[in-house]
Amino acid sequence: MAKRTAAHGVGRPSKGPRDVIVTRVPTGDSAELRELAEGRDWSFSETAAALIRIGLAHREELPAGSQAETQEALPLIKAS
């Protein structure tokens, strides 16, 4: 029996090269993302990628400075 290969149209078409990005988001944002994905009949990953593309198109709207500059310093209790 002949072996099937991708050349015979088996499987889904490639979406091109992809990177894996792992991040932690607030649970409310995650729930909203899942709801949005389900409403569009998209995967969670596809929806997150689409939102990242939109975000990158609006990167100038991000606050200036690094995260370290926007966080408060922890109080020093004792000196060593």
PDB file of N, CA and C in Angstrom:
ATOM      1  N   MET A   1       0.840  -1.176   0.000  1.00  0.00           N
ATOM      2  CA  MET A   1       0.000   0.000   0.000  1.00  0.00           C
ATOM      3  C   MET A   1       0.890   1.247   0.000  1.00  0.00           C
ATOM      4  N   ALA A   2       0.546   2.218  -0.810  1.00  0.00           N
ATOM      5  CA  ALA A   2       1.336   3.441  -0.931  1.00  0.00           C
ATOM      6  C   ALA A   2       1.198   4.293   0.327  1.00  0.00           C
ATOM      7  N   LYS A   3       2.305   4.884   0.726  1.00  0.00           N
ATOM      8  CA  LYS A   3       2.314   5.740   1.911  1.00  0.00           C
ATOM      9  C   LYS A   3       1.822   7.133   1.536  1.00  0.00           C
ATOM     10  N   ARG A   4       0.927   7.679   2.368  1.00  0.00           N
ATOM     11  CA  ARG A   4       0.408   9.028   2.111  1.00  0.00           C
ATOM     12  C   ARG A   4       1.422  10.068   2.558  1.00  0.00           C
ATOM     13  N   THR A   5       1.518  11.148   1.815  1.00  0.00           N
ATOM     14  CA  THR A   5       2.402  12.257   2.175  1.00  0.00           C
ATOM     15  C   THR A   5       1.624  13.553   2.072  1.00  0.00           C
ATOM     16  N   ALA A   6       2.193  14.602   2.581  1.00  0.00           N
ATOM     17  CA  ALA A   6       1.549  15.910   2.551  1.00  0.00           C
ATOM     18  C   ALA A   6       1.310  16.375   1.119  1.00  0.00           C
ATOM     19  N   ALA A   7       2.106  15.887   0.182  1.00  0.00           N
ATOM     20  CA  ALA A   7       1.946  16.274  -1.212  1.00  0.00           C
ATOM     21  C   ALA A   7       0.604  15.821  -1.773  1.00  0.00           C
ATOM     22  N   HIS A   8      -0.024  14.844  -1.134  1.00  0.00           N
ATOM     23  CA  HIS A   8      -1.320  14.357  -1.605  1.00  0.00           C
ATOM     24  C   HIS A   8      -2.482  15.082  -0.948  1.00  0.00           C
ATOM     25  N   GLY A   9      -2.220  16.201  -0.278  1.00  0.00           N
ATOM     26  CA  GLY A   9      -3.284  16.993   0.315  1.00  0.00           C
ATOM     27  C   GLY A   9      -3.789  16.472   1.644  1.00  0.00           C
ATOM     28  N   VAL A  10      -2.995  15.690   2.338  1.00  0.00           N
ATOM     29  CA  VAL A  10      -3.402  15.181   3.643  1.00  0.00           C
ATOM     30  C   VAL A  10      -3.038  16.204   4.704  1.00  0.00           C
ATOM     31  N   GLY A  11      -3.955  16.466   5.605  1.00  0.00           N
ATOM     32  CA  GLY A  11      -3.691  17.420   6.678  1.00  0.00           C
ATOM     33  C   GLY A  11      -4.041  18.834   6.281  1.00  0.00           C
ATOM     34  N   ARG A  12      -3.915  19.722   7.235  1.00  0.00           N
ATOM     35  CA  ARG A  12      -4.260  21.113   6.954  1.00  0.00           C
ATOM     36  C   ARG A  12      -3.079  21.847   6.328  1.00  0.00           C
ATOM     37  N   PRO A  13      -3.357  22.885   5.567  1.00  0.00           N
ATOM     38  CA  PRO A  13      -2.263  23.643   4.954  1.00  0.00           C
ATOM     39  C   PRO A  13      -1.463  24.406   6.014  1.00  0.00           C
ATOM     40  N   SER A  14      -0.185  24.570   5.756  1.00  0.00           N
ATOM     41  CA  SER A  14       0.690  25.276   6.682  1.00  0.00           C
ATOM     42  C   SER A  14       0.318  26.750   6.756  1.00  0.00           C
ATOM     43  N   LYS A  15       0.468  27.336   7.938  1.00  0.00           N
ATOM     44  CA  LYS A  15       0.270  28.773   8.107  1.00  0.00           C
ATOM     45  C   LYS A  15       1.607  29.499   8.075  1.00  0.00           C
ATOM     46  N   GLY A  16       2.650  28.788   7.695  1.00  0.00           N
ATOM     47  CA  GLY A  16       3.974  29.383   7.618  1.00  0.00           C
ATOM     48  C   GLY A  16       4.725  29.241   8.929  1.00  0.00           C
ATOM     49  N   PRO A  17       5.945  29.768   8.960  1.00  0.00           N
ATOM     50  CA  PRO A  17       6.776  29.653  10.162  1.00  0.00           C
ATOM     51  C   PRO A  17       6.106  30.328  11.357  1.00  0.00           C
ATOM     52  N   ARG A  18       6.204  29.704  12.502  1.00  0.00           N
ATOM     53  CA  ARG A  18       5.592  30.217  13.722  1.00  0.00           C
ATOM     54  C   ARG A  18       6.571  30.105  14.887  1.00  0.00           C
ATOM     55  N   ASP A  19       6.454  31.008  15.852  1.00  0.00           N
ATOM     56  CA  ASP A  19       7.196  30.949  17.109  1.00  0.00           C
ATOM     57  C   ASP A  19       6.210  30.631  18.218  1.00  0.00           C
ATOM     58  N   VAL A  20       6.688  29.961  19.225  1.00  0.00           N
ATOM     59  CA  VAL A  20       5.882  29.697  20.413  1.00  0.00           C
ATOM     60  C   VAL A  20       6.189  30.791  21.427  1.00  0.00           C
ATOM     61  N   ILE A  21       5.138  31.452  21.908  1.00  0.00           N
ATOM     62  CA  ILE A  21       5.285  32.509  22.908  1.00  0.00           C
ATOM     63  C   ILE A  21       4.441  32.106  24.103  1.00  0.00           C
ATOM     64  N   VAL A  22       5.061  32.087  25.265  1.00  0.00           N
ATOM     65  CA  VAL A  22       4.345  31.734  26.491  1.00  0.00           C
ATOM     66  C   VAL A  22       4.333  32.964  27.389  1.00  0.00           C
ATOM     67  N   THR A  23       3.152  33.322  27.858  1.00  0.00           N
ATOM     68  CA  THR A  23       3.031  34.475  28.745  1.00  0.00           C
ATOM     69  C   THR A  23       1.926  34.226  29.757  1.00  0.00           C
ATOM     70  N   ARG A  24       1.937  34.984  30.810  1.00  0.00           N
ATOM     71  CA  ARG A  24       0.887  34.895  31.826  1.00  0.00           C
ATOM     72  C   ARG A  24       0.045  36.164  31.726  1.00  0.00           C
ATOM     73  N   VAL A  25      -1.254  35.975  31.685  1.00  0.00           N
ATOM     74  CA  VAL A  25      -2.163  37.112  31.617  1.00  0.00           C
ATOM     75  C   VAL A  25      -3.167  36.996  32.760  1.00  0.00           C
ATOM     76  N   PRO A  26      -3.742  38.111  33.173  1.00  0.00           N
ATOM     77  CA  PRO A  26      -4.767  38.046  34.212  1.00  0.00           C
ATOM     78  C   PRO A  26      -5.903  37.114  33.778  1.00  0.00           C
ATOM     79  N   THR A  27      -6.484  36.401  34.733  1.00  0.00           N
ATOM     80  CA  THR A  27      -7.515  35.411  34.405  1.00  0.00           C
ATOM     81  C   THR A  27      -8.712  36.038  33.695  1.00  0.00           C
ATOM     82  N   GLY A  28      -9.047  37.263  34.037  1.00  0.00           N
ATOM     83  CA  GLY A  28     -10.155  37.939  33.354  1.00  0.00           C
ATOM     84  C   GLY A  28      -9.870  38.148  31.879  1.00  0.00           C
ATOM     85  N   ASP A  29      -8.625  38.529  31.563  1.00  0.00           N
ATOM     86  CA  ASP A  29      -8.239  38.712  30.163  1.00  0.00           C
ATOM     87  C   ASP A  29      -8.262  37.381  29.420  1.00  0.00           C
ATOM     88  N   SER A  30      -7.799  36.336  30.094  1.00  0.00           N
ATOM     89  CA  SER A  30      -7.785  35.011  29.483  1.00  0.00           C
ATOM     90  C   SER A  30      -9.208  34.543  29.180  1.00  0.00           C
ATOM     91  N   ALA A  31     -10.110  34.744  30.120  1.00  0.00           N
ATOM     92  CA  ALA A  31     -11.508  34.350  29.919  1.00  0.00           C
ATOM     93  C   ALA A  31     -12.123  35.130  28.753  1.00  0.00           C
ATOM     94  N   GLU A  32     -11.815  36.411  28.680  1.00  0.00           N
ATOM     95  CA  GLU A  32     -12.328  37.246  27.588  1.00  0.00           C
ATOM     96  C   GLU A  32     -11.768  36.784  26.241  1.00  0.00           C
ATOM     97  N   LEU A  33     -10.493  36.420  26.232  1.00  0.00           N
ATOM     98  CA  LEU A  33      -9.867  35.919  25.010  1.00  0.00           C
ATOM     99  C   LEU A  33     -10.504  34.606  24.568  1.00  0.00           C
ATOM    100  N   ARG A  34     -10.734  33.691  25.514  1.00  0.00           N
ATOM    101  CA  ARG A  34     -11.389  32.416  25.183  1.00  0.00           C
ATOM    102  C   ARG A  34     -12.792  32.637  24.631  1.00  0.00           C
ATOM    103  N   GLU A  35     -13.525  33.558  25.241  1.00  0.00           N
ATOM    104  CA  GLU A  35     -14.879  33.862  24.784  1.00  0.00           C
ATOM    105  C   GLU A  35     -14.853  34.436  23.370  1.00  0.00           C
ATOM    106  N   LEU A  36     -13.915  35.321  23.119  1.00  0.00           N
ATOM    107  CA  LEU A  36     -13.766  35.916  21.785  1.00  0.00           C
ATOM    108  C   LEU A  36     -13.425  34.840  20.762  1.00  0.00           C
ATOM    109  N   ALA A  37     -12.516  33.947  21.115  1.00  0.00           N
ATOM    110  CA  ALA A  37     -12.127  32.857  20.204  1.00  0.00           C
ATOM    111  C   ALA A  37     -13.317  31.952  19.898  1.00  0.00           C
ATOM    112  N   GLU A  38     -14.052  31.573  20.926  1.00  0.00           N
ATOM    113  CA  GLU A  38     -15.216  30.700  20.722  1.00  0.00           C
ATOM    114  C   GLU A  38     -16.262  31.382  19.851  1.00  0.00           C
ATOM    115  N   GLY A  39     -16.481  32.665  20.059  1.00  0.00           N
ATOM    116  CA  GLY A  39     -17.463  33.412  19.275  1.00  0.00           C
ATOM    117  C   GLY A  39     -17.113  33.483  17.797  1.00  0.00           C
ATOM    118  N   ARG A  40     -15.829  33.442  17.500  1.00  0.00           N
ATOM    119  CA  ARG A  40     -15.385  33.500  16.098  1.00  0.00           C
ATOM    120  C   ARG A  40     -15.077  32.122  15.526  1.00  0.00           C
ATOM    121  N   ASP A  41     -15.203  31.098  16.372  1.00  0.00           N
ATOM    122  CA  ASP A  41     -14.855  29.726  15.989  1.00  0.00           C
ATOM    123  C   ASP A  41     -13.381  29.644  15.573  1.00  0.00           C
ATOM    124  N   TRP A  42     -12.536  30.353  16.338  1.00  0.00           N
ATOM    125  CA  TRP A  42     -11.090  30.332  16.149  1.00  0.00           C
ATOM    126  C   TRP A  42     -10.476  29.622  17.336  1.00  0.00           C
ATOM    127  N   SER A  43      -9.227  29.212  17.189  1.00  0.00           N
ATOM    128  CA  SER A  43      -8.508  28.653  18.335  1.00  0.00           C
ATOM    129  C   SER A  43      -8.059  29.796  19.242  1.00  0.00           C
ATOM    130  N   PHE A  44      -7.762  29.447  20.480  1.00  0.00           N
ATOM    131  CA  PHE A  44      -7.237  30.418  21.440  1.00  0.00           C
ATOM    132  C   PHE A  44      -5.966  31.054  20.882  1.00  0.00           C
ATOM    133  N   SER A  45      -5.101  30.208  20.311  1.00  0.00           N
ATOM    134  CA  SER A  45      -3.818  30.671  19.771  1.00  0.00           C
ATOM    135  C   SER A  45      -4.012  31.615  18.579  1.00  0.00           C
ATOM    136  N   GLU A  46      -4.920  31.267  17.668  1.00  0.00           N
ATOM    137  CA  GLU A  46      -5.186  32.131  16.508  1.00  0.00           C
ATOM    138  C   GLU A  46      -5.687  33.504  16.953  1.00  0.00           C
ATOM    139  N   THR A  47      -6.558  33.500  17.949  1.00  0.00           N
ATOM    140  CA  THR A  47      -7.131  34.749  18.439  1.00  0.00           C
ATOM    141  C   THR A  47      -6.057  35.606  19.107  1.00  0.00           C
ATOM    142  N   ALA A  48      -5.225  34.982  19.932  1.00  0.00           N
ATOM    143  CA  ALA A  48      -4.140  35.725  20.578  1.00  0.00           C
ATOM    144  C   ALA A  48      -3.182  36.301  19.537  1.00  0.00           C
ATOM    145  N   ALA A  49      -2.858  35.513  18.510  1.00  0.00           N
ATOM    146  CA  ALA A  49      -1.952  35.987  17.457  1.00  0.00           C
ATOM    147  C   ALA A  49      -2.560  37.171  16.707  1.00  0.00           C
ATOM    148  N   ALA A  50      -3.858  37.114  16.425  1.00  0.00           N
ATOM    149  CA  ALA A  50      -4.525  38.214  15.720  1.00  0.00           C
ATOM    150  C   ALA A  50      -4.496  39.483  16.574  1.00  0.00           C
ATOM    151  N   LEU A  51      -4.730  39.336  17.865  1.00  0.00           N
ATOM    152  CA  LEU A  51      -4.696  40.501  18.752  1.00  0.00           C
ATOM    153  C   LEU A  51      -3.288  41.065  18.895  1.00  0.00           C
ATOM    154  N   ILE A  52      -2.292  40.205  18.874  1.00  0.00           N
ATOM    155  CA  ILE A  52      -0.897  40.677  18.911  1.00  0.00           C
ATOM    156  C   ILE A  52      -0.589  41.476  17.649  1.00  0.00           C
ATOM    157  N   ARG A  53      -1.039  40.985  16.471  1.00  0.00           N
ATOM    158  CA  ARG A  53      -0.820  41.731  15.222  1.00  0.00           C
ATOM    159  C   ARG A  53      -1.459  43.122  15.301  1.00  0.00           C
ATOM    160  N   ILE A  54      -2.690  43.179  15.835  1.00  0.00           N
ATOM    161  CA  ILE A  54      -3.365  44.479  15.980  1.00  0.00           C
ATOM    162  C   ILE A  54      -2.591  45.362  16.957  1.00  0.00           C
ATOM    163  N   GLY A  55      -2.146  44.779  18.069  1.00  0.00           N
ATOM    164  CA  GLY A  55      -1.375  45.530  19.052  1.00  0.00           C
ATOM    165  C   GLY A  55      -0.079  46.080  18.484  1.00  0.00           C
ATOM    166  N   LEU A  56       0.599  45.266  17.683  1.00  0.00           N
ATOM    167  CA  LEU A  56       1.854  45.736  17.081  1.00  0.00           C
ATOM    168  C   LEU A  56       1.617  46.883  16.111  1.00  0.00           C
ATOM    169  N   ALA A  57       0.461  46.900  15.471  1.00  0.00           N
ATOM    170  CA  ALA A  57       0.135  48.003  14.568  1.00  0.00           C
ATOM    171  C   ALA A  57      -0.117  49.297  15.341  1.00  0.00           C
ATOM    172  N   HIS A  58      -0.384  49.168  16.650  1.00  0.00           N
ATOM    173  CA  HIS A  58      -0.654  50.334  17.494  1.00  0.00           C
ATOM    174  C   HIS A  58       0.380  50.474  18.611  1.00  0.00           C
ATOM    175  N   ARG A  59       1.587  50.021  18.361  1.00  0.00           N
ATOM    176  CA  ARG A  59       2.621  50.024  19.405  1.00  0.00           C
ATOM    177  C   ARG A  59       2.945  51.405  19.945  1.00  0.00           C
ATOM    178  N   GLU A  60       2.697  52.437  19.164  1.00  0.00           N
ATOM    179  CA  GLU A  60       2.990  53.799  19.632  1.00  0.00           C
ATOM    180  C   GLU A  60       2.068  54.199  20.787  1.00  0.00           C
ATOM    181  N   GLU A  61       0.992  53.460  21.013  1.00  0.00           N
ATOM    182  CA  GLU A  61       0.069  53.752  22.104  1.00  0.00           C
ATOM    183  C   GLU A  61       0.526  53.156  23.442  1.00  0.00           C
ATOM    184  N   LEU A  62       1.559  52.315  23.420  1.00  0.00           N
ATOM    185  CA  LEU A  62       2.081  51.751  24.671  1.00  0.00           C
ATOM    186  C   LEU A  62       2.716  52.849  25.507  1.00  0.00           C
ATOM    187  N   PRO A  63       2.601  52.754  26.827  1.00  0.00           N
ATOM    188  CA  PRO A  63       3.253  53.752  27.674  1.00  0.00           C
ATOM    189  C   PRO A  63       4.765  53.723  27.480  1.00  0.00           C
ATOM    190  N   ALA A  64       5.395  54.869  27.591  1.00  0.00           N
ATOM    191  CA  ALA A  64       6.845  54.957  27.433  1.00  0.00           C
ATOM    192  C   ALA A  64       7.546  54.383  28.654  1.00  0.00           C
ATOM    193  N   GLY A  65       8.778  53.978  28.488  1.00  0.00           N
ATOM    194  CA  GLY A  65       9.590  53.497  29.597  1.00  0.00           C
ATOM    195  C   GLY A  65       9.446  52.010  29.818  1.00  0.00           C
ATOM    196  N   SER A  66      10.341  51.503  30.639  1.00  0.00           N
ATOM    197  CA  SER A  66      10.331  50.071  30.927  1.00  0.00           C
ATOM    198  C   SER A  66       9.394  49.786  32.090  1.00  0.00           C
ATOM    199  N   GLN A  67       9.072  48.528  32.282  1.00  0.00           N
ATOM    200  CA  GLN A  67       8.209  48.117  33.385  1.00  0.00           C
ATOM    201  C   GLN A  67       8.852  48.481  34.725  1.00  0.00           C
ATOM    202  N   ALA A  68      10.160  48.369  34.803  1.00  0.00           N
ATOM    203  CA  ALA A  68      10.865  48.693  36.047  1.00  0.00           C
ATOM    204  C   ALA A  68      10.658  50.152  36.425  1.00  0.00           C
ATOM    205  N   GLU A  69      10.558  51.033  35.441  1.00  0.00           N
ATOM    206  CA  GLU A  69      10.367  52.455  35.714  1.00  0.00           C
ATOM    207  C   GLU A  69       8.952  52.755  36.182  1.00  0.00           C
ATOM    208  N   THR A  70       7.987  51.926  35.830  1.00  0.00           N
ATOM    209  CA  THR A  70       6.594  52.194  36.183  1.00  0.00           C
ATOM    210  C   THR A  70       6.172  51.513  37.476  1.00  0.00           C
ATOM    211  N   GLN A  71       7.007  50.614  38.027  1.00  0.00           N
ATOM    212  CA  GLN A  71       6.679  49.933  39.276  1.00  0.00           C
ATOM    213  C   GLN A  71       7.277  50.684  40.455  1.00  0.00           C
ATOM    214  N   GLU A  72       6.573  50.610  41.590  1.00  0.00           N
ATOM    215  CA  GLU A  72       7.113  51.221  42.799  1.00  0.00           C
ATOM    216  C   GLU A  72       8.222  50.354  43.364  1.00  0.00           C
ATOM    217  N   ALA A  73       9.190  50.995  43.994  1.00  0.00           N
ATOM    218  CA  ALA A  73      10.281  50.253  44.627  1.00  0.00           C
ATOM    219  C   ALA A  73       9.777  49.626  45.927  1.00  0.00           C
ATOM    220  N   LEU A  74      10.294  48.456  46.241  1.00  0.00           N
ATOM    221  CA  LEU A  74       9.962  47.817  47.505  1.00  0.00           C
ATOM    222  C   LEU A  74      10.693  48.542  48.637  1.00  0.00           C
ATOM    223  N   PRO A  75      10.051  48.675  49.794  1.00  0.00           N
ATOM    224  CA  PRO A  75      10.716  49.368  50.919  1.00  0.00           C
ATOM    225  C   PRO A  75      11.892  48.536  51.443  1.00  0.00           C
ATOM    226  N   LEU A  76      12.965  49.209  51.790  1.00  0.00           N
ATOM    227  CA  LEU A  76      14.117  48.541  52.399  1.00  0.00           C
ATOM    228  C   LEU A  76      13.940  48.569  53.908  1.00  0.00           C
ATOM    229  N   ILE A  77      13.920  47.405  54.527  1.00  0.00           N
ATOM    230  CA  ILE A  77      13.686  47.320  55.959  1.00  0.00           C
ATOM    231  C   ILE A  77      14.998  47.437  56.743  1.00  0.00           C
ATOM    232  N   LYS A  78      16.040  46.784  56.253  1.00  0.00           N
ATOM    233  CA  LYS A  78      17.316  46.891  56.944  1.00  0.00           C
ATOM    234  C   LYS A  78      18.445  46.908  55.915  1.00  0.00           C
ATOM    235  N   ALA A  79      19.523  47.544  56.288  1.00  0.00           N
ATOM    236  CA  ALA A  79      20.682  47.602  55.419  1.00  0.00           C
ATOM    237  C   ALA A  79      21.616  46.460  55.787  1.00  0.00           C
ATOM    238  N   SER A  80      22.323  45.944  54.802  1.00  0.00           N
ATOM    239  CA  SER A  80      23.250  44.859  55.121  1.00  0.00           C
ATOM    240  C   SER A  80      24.676  45.317  55.090  1.00  0.00           C
TER     241      SER A  80
END
